[in-house]
Amino acid sequence: MNENMPPESAAAAPDQWWLATIGRTIVWARLRLLDAGTAEVLDSDGVSQPYDSEDTARAALMDAEFVALDGLDGEDARDRGFELDELAPPSGESFDVLRPQMVQQLTSRH
């Protein structure tokens, strides 16, 4: 395998953002699929956990009561106490950039 993969390879397997909620606090986790068919989950503490497959990583996230952002609809979001338009997944390449975004406190709506 070529380690200098073209940029379009990253677009083929984008990061998947997952979230857990504690009241109006959103805790993010990033699931990233790797070339070898394995996966890694970056948590809000900056720990990157390796998994043997995407399915195993997803199961671990669900066990920790995370849900996939791309699987949420408006009703699911309201059941968790927020609106979808309030969410902005973290963005950036390094954990130093991501760190302050991995836990978000949503403003009160009342």
N, C-alpha and C. Protein backbone atom coordinates (compact mmCIF):
# COMPACT_ATOMS: atom_id res chain seq x y z
N MET A 1 0.83 -1.18 0.00
CA MET A 1 0.00 0.00 0.00
C MET A 1 0.87 1.24 0.00
N ASN A 2 0.43 2.25 -0.70
CA ASN A 2 1.16 3.49 -0.78
C ASN A 2 0.78 4.39 0.39
N GLU A 3 1.78 4.80 1.17
CA GLU A 3 1.50 5.67 2.32
C GLU A 3 1.14 7.08 1.90
N ASN A 4 1.48 7.46 0.67
CA ASN A 4 1.16 8.80 0.17
C ASN A 4 -0.13 8.74 -0.63
N MET A 5 -1.20 8.45 0.06
CA MET A 5 -2.50 8.30 -0.59
C MET A 5 -2.99 9.64 -1.09
N PRO A 6 -3.66 9.67 -2.24
CA PRO A 6 -4.21 10.93 -2.74
C PRO A 6 -5.32 11.44 -1.83
N PRO A 7 -5.57 12.75 -1.83
CA PRO A 7 -6.58 13.33 -0.94
C PRO A 7 -7.96 12.71 -1.08
N GLU A 8 -8.32 12.25 -2.27
CA GLU A 8 -9.66 11.70 -2.44
C GLU A 8 -9.87 10.43 -1.62
N SER A 9 -8.80 9.73 -1.21
CA SER A 9 -8.98 8.54 -0.39
C SER A 9 -9.55 8.91 0.97
N ALA A 10 -9.20 10.08 1.50
CA ALA A 10 -9.75 10.52 2.78
C ALA A 10 -11.24 10.83 2.63
N ALA A 11 -11.64 11.34 1.49
CA ALA A 11 -13.04 11.66 1.26
C ALA A 11 -13.88 10.39 1.14
N ALA A 12 -13.25 9.29 0.70
CA ALA A 12 -13.99 8.04 0.53
C ALA A 12 -14.40 7.45 1.88
N ALA A 13 -13.64 7.72 2.92
CA ALA A 13 -13.97 7.21 4.25
C ALA A 13 -13.87 8.35 5.26
N PRO A 14 -14.88 9.23 5.25
CA PRO A 14 -14.81 10.39 6.13
C PRO A 14 -14.90 9.99 7.60
N ASP A 15 -14.46 10.91 8.43
CA ASP A 15 -14.62 10.70 9.86
C ASP A 15 -16.10 10.64 10.19
N GLN A 16 -16.43 9.82 11.15
CA GLN A 16 -17.80 9.72 11.63
C GLN A 16 -17.83 10.29 13.04
N TRP A 17 -18.69 11.27 13.24
CA TRP A 17 -18.80 11.89 14.56
C TRP A 17 -19.93 11.26 15.34
N TRP A 18 -19.65 10.95 16.58
CA TRP A 18 -20.59 10.35 17.51
C TRP A 18 -20.70 11.29 18.70
N LEU A 19 -21.83 11.23 19.40
CA LEU A 19 -22.00 12.11 20.55
C LEU A 19 -22.75 11.42 21.67
N ALA A 20 -22.44 11.87 22.85
CA ALA A 20 -23.17 11.48 24.06
C ALA A 20 -23.61 12.78 24.71
N THR A 21 -24.69 12.71 25.44
CA THR A 21 -25.20 13.93 26.08
C THR A 21 -25.34 13.74 27.58
N ILE A 22 -25.02 14.80 28.27
CA ILE A 22 -25.24 14.89 29.72
C ILE A 22 -25.93 16.23 29.91
N GLY A 23 -27.26 16.20 30.01
CA GLY A 23 -28.00 17.45 30.04
C GLY A 23 -27.80 18.19 28.73
N ARG A 24 -27.30 19.43 28.81
CA ARG A 24 -27.05 20.23 27.61
C ARG A 24 -25.57 20.23 27.24
N THR A 25 -24.85 19.23 27.74
CA THR A 25 -23.44 19.08 27.39
C THR A 25 -23.30 17.96 26.36
N ILE A 26 -22.59 18.27 25.29
CA ILE A 26 -22.34 17.30 24.23
C ILE A 26 -20.89 16.84 24.34
N VAL A 27 -20.69 15.53 24.39
CA VAL A 27 -19.35 14.95 24.41
C VAL A 27 -19.18 14.23 23.06
N TRP A 28 -18.16 14.63 22.31
CA TRP A 28 -17.93 14.10 20.98
C TRP A 28 -16.90 12.97 21.00
N ALA A 29 -17.02 12.08 20.04
CA ALA A 29 -16.01 11.05 19.75
C ALA A 29 -15.94 10.93 18.23
N ARG A 30 -14.72 10.71 17.73
CA ARG A 30 -14.54 10.58 16.28
C ARG A 30 -14.16 9.14 15.96
N LEU A 31 -14.95 8.53 15.08
CA LEU A 31 -14.64 7.19 14.57
C LEU A 31 -13.98 7.38 13.21
N ARG A 32 -12.80 6.83 13.07
CA ARG A 32 -12.07 6.95 11.80
C ARG A 32 -11.77 5.55 11.30
N LEU A 33 -12.11 5.31 10.03
CA LEU A 33 -11.81 4.03 9.39
C LEU A 33 -10.41 4.11 8.80
N LEU A 34 -9.65 3.05 8.99
CA LEU A 34 -8.27 3.01 8.51
C LEU A 34 -8.15 2.08 7.31
N ASP A 35 -7.09 2.27 6.54
CA ASP A 35 -6.90 1.51 5.30
C ASP A 35 -6.91 0.01 5.50
N ALA A 36 -6.42 -0.46 6.61
CA ALA A 36 -6.30 -1.91 6.85
C ALA A 36 -7.65 -2.56 7.20
N GLY A 37 -8.74 -1.76 7.20
CA GLY A 37 -10.04 -2.30 7.57
C GLY A 37 -10.29 -2.21 9.06
N THR A 38 -9.33 -1.62 9.76
CA THR A 38 -9.48 -1.41 11.19
C THR A 38 -10.07 -0.02 11.43
N ALA A 39 -10.27 0.32 12.69
CA ALA A 39 -10.85 1.61 13.02
C ALA A 39 -10.20 2.14 14.29
N GLU A 40 -10.34 3.45 14.50
CA GLU A 40 -9.90 4.04 15.75
C GLU A 40 -10.93 5.06 16.20
N VAL A 41 -11.07 5.17 17.51
CA VAL A 41 -11.98 6.14 18.08
C VAL A 41 -11.16 7.12 18.92
N LEU A 42 -11.28 8.40 18.60
CA LEU A 42 -10.65 9.45 19.37
C LEU A 42 -11.69 9.98 20.35
N ASP A 43 -11.36 9.90 21.64
CA ASP A 43 -12.32 10.37 22.63
C ASP A 43 -12.00 11.80 23.07
N SER A 44 -12.84 12.34 23.92
CA SER A 44 -12.72 13.74 24.32
C SER A 44 -11.49 14.00 25.19
N ASP A 45 -10.86 12.93 25.70
CA ASP A 45 -9.64 13.07 26.48
C ASP A 45 -8.38 12.99 25.62
N GLY A 46 -8.57 12.81 24.32
CA GLY A 46 -7.43 12.71 23.42
C GLY A 46 -6.86 11.32 23.29
N VAL A 47 -7.56 10.34 23.82
CA VAL A 47 -7.11 8.95 23.73
C VAL A 47 -7.67 8.36 22.43
N SER A 48 -6.80 7.75 21.67
CA SER A 48 -7.20 7.11 20.42
C SER A 48 -7.18 5.60 20.64
N GLN A 49 -8.37 4.99 20.64
CA GLN A 49 -8.51 3.56 20.89
C GLN A 49 -8.58 2.80 19.56
N PRO A 50 -7.72 1.80 19.37
CA PRO A 50 -7.77 1.00 18.14
C PRO A 50 -8.83 -0.11 18.25
N TYR A 51 -9.45 -0.42 17.12
CA TYR A 51 -10.43 -1.51 17.04
C TYR A 51 -10.14 -2.33 15.79
N ASP A 52 -10.48 -3.61 15.84
CA ASP A 52 -10.20 -4.50 14.72
C ASP A 52 -11.12 -4.30 13.53
N SER A 53 -12.25 -3.59 13.75
CA SER A 53 -13.18 -3.34 12.65
C SER A 53 -14.09 -2.16 12.99
N GLU A 54 -14.75 -1.65 11.98
CA GLU A 54 -15.73 -0.58 12.18
C GLU A 54 -16.85 -1.07 13.09
N ASP A 55 -17.31 -2.29 12.89
CA ASP A 55 -18.41 -2.84 13.71
C ASP A 55 -18.04 -2.88 15.19
N THR A 56 -16.81 -3.30 15.49
CA THR A 56 -16.37 -3.36 16.88
C THR A 56 -16.31 -1.96 17.49
N ALA A 57 -15.81 -1.00 16.72
CA ALA A 57 -15.73 0.39 17.21
C ALA A 57 -17.13 0.95 17.45
N ARG A 58 -18.04 0.70 16.51
CA ARG A 58 -19.42 1.18 16.68
C ARG A 58 -20.07 0.56 17.92
N ALA A 59 -19.85 -0.73 18.13
CA ALA A 59 -20.42 -1.41 19.29
C ALA A 59 -19.89 -0.80 20.59
N ALA A 60 -18.60 -0.49 20.62
CA ALA A 60 -18.01 0.12 21.82
C ALA A 60 -18.62 1.50 22.07
N LEU A 61 -18.81 2.28 21.02
CA LEU A 61 -19.43 3.60 21.17
C LEU A 61 -20.87 3.47 21.67
N MET A 62 -21.62 2.55 21.11
CA MET A 62 -23.01 2.36 21.54
C MET A 62 -23.07 1.87 22.99
N ASP A 63 -22.14 0.99 23.38
CA ASP A 63 -22.08 0.53 24.77
C ASP A 63 -21.85 1.70 25.72
N ALA A 64 -21.11 2.71 25.25
CA ALA A 64 -20.83 3.89 26.07
C ALA A 64 -21.92 4.96 25.91
N GLU A 65 -23.04 4.58 25.29
CA GLU A 65 -24.21 5.44 25.11
C GLU A 65 -23.97 6.62 24.17
N PHE A 66 -23.08 6.42 23.19
CA PHE A 66 -22.90 7.40 22.12
C PHE A 66 -23.85 7.04 20.99
N VAL A 67 -24.24 8.04 20.21
CA VAL A 67 -25.04 7.84 19.01
C VAL A 67 -24.34 8.52 17.84
N ALA A 68 -24.52 7.97 16.66
CA ALA A 68 -23.91 8.55 15.47
C ALA A 68 -24.65 9.82 15.08
N LEU A 69 -23.90 10.89 14.86
CA LEU A 69 -24.51 12.15 14.45
C LEU A 69 -25.30 11.97 13.16
N ASP A 70 -24.77 11.22 12.20
CA ASP A 70 -25.47 11.07 10.92
C ASP A 70 -26.73 10.21 11.04
N GLY A 71 -26.95 9.59 12.20
CA GLY A 71 -28.16 8.80 12.42
C GLY A 71 -29.23 9.53 13.21
N LEU A 72 -28.92 10.74 13.67
CA LEU A 72 -29.89 11.50 14.46
C LEU A 72 -30.88 12.23 13.57
N ASP A 73 -32.12 12.22 13.97
CA ASP A 73 -33.11 13.08 13.31
C ASP A 73 -33.59 14.10 14.35
N GLY A 74 -34.44 15.00 13.93
CA GLY A 74 -34.92 16.06 14.81
C GLY A 74 -35.58 15.55 16.07
N GLU A 75 -36.37 14.50 15.95
CA GLU A 75 -37.05 13.95 17.13
C GLU A 75 -36.05 13.35 18.11
N ASP A 76 -35.06 12.60 17.59
CA ASP A 76 -34.03 12.03 18.46
C ASP A 76 -33.29 13.15 19.21
N ALA A 77 -32.96 14.21 18.50
CA ALA A 77 -32.25 15.33 19.12
C ALA A 77 -33.10 15.96 20.22
N ARG A 78 -34.38 16.22 19.94
CA ARG A 78 -35.26 16.81 20.95
C ARG A 78 -35.39 15.91 22.17
N ASP A 79 -35.45 14.58 21.95
CA ASP A 79 -35.51 13.64 23.07
C ASP A 79 -34.26 13.76 23.96
N ARG A 80 -33.15 14.17 23.37
CA ARG A 80 -31.90 14.34 24.12
C ARG A 80 -31.75 15.77 24.66
N GLY A 81 -32.69 16.66 24.33
CA GLY A 81 -32.68 17.99 24.91
C GLY A 81 -32.06 19.09 24.08
N PHE A 82 -31.93 18.87 22.77
CA PHE A 82 -31.37 19.91 21.91
C PHE A 82 -31.97 19.81 20.52
N GLU A 83 -31.66 20.78 19.68
CA GLU A 83 -32.08 20.77 18.28
C GLU A 83 -30.86 20.44 17.42
N LEU A 84 -31.08 19.79 16.29
CA LEU A 84 -29.97 19.43 15.41
C LEU A 84 -29.15 20.65 14.98
N ASP A 85 -29.83 21.77 14.76
CA ASP A 85 -29.11 22.96 14.28
C ASP A 85 -28.19 23.57 15.34
N GLU A 86 -28.25 23.08 16.57
CA GLU A 86 -27.33 23.54 17.61
C GLU A 86 -25.98 22.83 17.55
N LEU A 87 -25.92 21.72 16.82
CA LEU A 87 -24.72 20.90 16.80
C LEU A 87 -23.75 21.33 15.72
N ALA A 88 -22.50 21.36 16.09
CA ALA A 88 -21.41 21.59 15.13
C ALA A 88 -20.28 20.65 15.53
N PRO A 89 -20.09 19.56 14.79
CA PRO A 89 -19.03 18.64 15.17
C PRO A 89 -17.68 19.33 15.14
N PRO A 90 -16.75 18.86 15.95
CA PRO A 90 -15.42 19.45 15.95
C PRO A 90 -14.79 19.40 14.56
N SER A 91 -13.92 20.35 14.29
CA SER A 91 -13.21 20.35 13.01
C SER A 91 -11.76 20.74 13.25
N GLY A 92 -10.89 20.13 12.49
CA GLY A 92 -9.46 20.39 12.59
C GLY A 92 -8.69 19.10 12.41
N GLU A 93 -7.42 19.24 12.14
CA GLU A 93 -6.59 18.07 11.88
C GLU A 93 -5.91 17.52 13.12
N SER A 94 -5.45 18.38 14.00
CA SER A 94 -4.70 17.91 15.16
C SER A 94 -5.58 17.91 16.40
N PHE A 95 -5.20 17.08 17.38
CA PHE A 95 -5.99 17.05 18.60
C PHE A 95 -5.91 18.37 19.34
N ASP A 96 -4.80 19.10 19.21
CA ASP A 96 -4.69 20.41 19.86
C ASP A 96 -5.79 21.35 19.37
N VAL A 97 -6.15 21.23 18.11
CA VAL A 97 -7.24 22.04 17.54
C VAL A 97 -8.59 21.46 17.95
N LEU A 98 -8.70 20.13 17.96
CA LEU A 98 -9.97 19.47 18.30
C LEU A 98 -10.31 19.56 19.78
N ARG A 99 -9.30 19.49 20.66
CA ARG A 99 -9.52 19.37 22.10
C ARG A 99 -10.58 20.34 22.65
N PRO A 100 -10.48 21.64 22.38
CA PRO A 100 -11.48 22.54 22.98
C PRO A 100 -12.89 22.37 22.41
N GLN A 101 -13.01 21.62 21.33
CA GLN A 101 -14.31 21.42 20.70
C GLN A 101 -14.96 20.08 21.08
N MET A 102 -14.22 19.19 21.75
CA MET A 102 -14.68 17.82 22.00
C MET A 102 -15.76 17.73 23.08
N VAL A 103 -15.86 18.74 23.91
CA VAL A 103 -16.95 18.83 24.88
C VAL A 103 -17.56 20.22 24.69
N GLN A 104 -18.83 20.24 24.35
CA GLN A 104 -19.52 21.51 24.09
C GLN A 104 -20.68 21.68 25.05
N GLN A 105 -20.75 22.85 25.65
CA GLN A 105 -21.88 23.19 26.51
C GLN A 105 -22.86 24.01 25.67
N LEU A 106 -24.04 23.49 25.43
CA LEU A 106 -25.05 24.22 24.67
C LEU A 106 -25.70 25.25 25.60
N THR A 107 -26.06 26.38 25.02
CA THR A 107 -26.71 27.42 25.82
C THR A 107 -28.13 26.99 26.15
N SER A 108 -28.63 27.51 27.22
CA SER A 108 -29.99 27.18 27.66
C SER A 108 -30.99 27.78 26.68
N ARG A 109 -32.03 27.06 26.40
CA ARG A 109 -33.06 27.55 25.47
C ARG A 109 -34.23 28.14 26.21
N HIS A 110 -34.21 28.14 27.54
CA HIS A 110 -35.37 28.62 28.30
C HIS A 110 -35.11 29.97 28.88
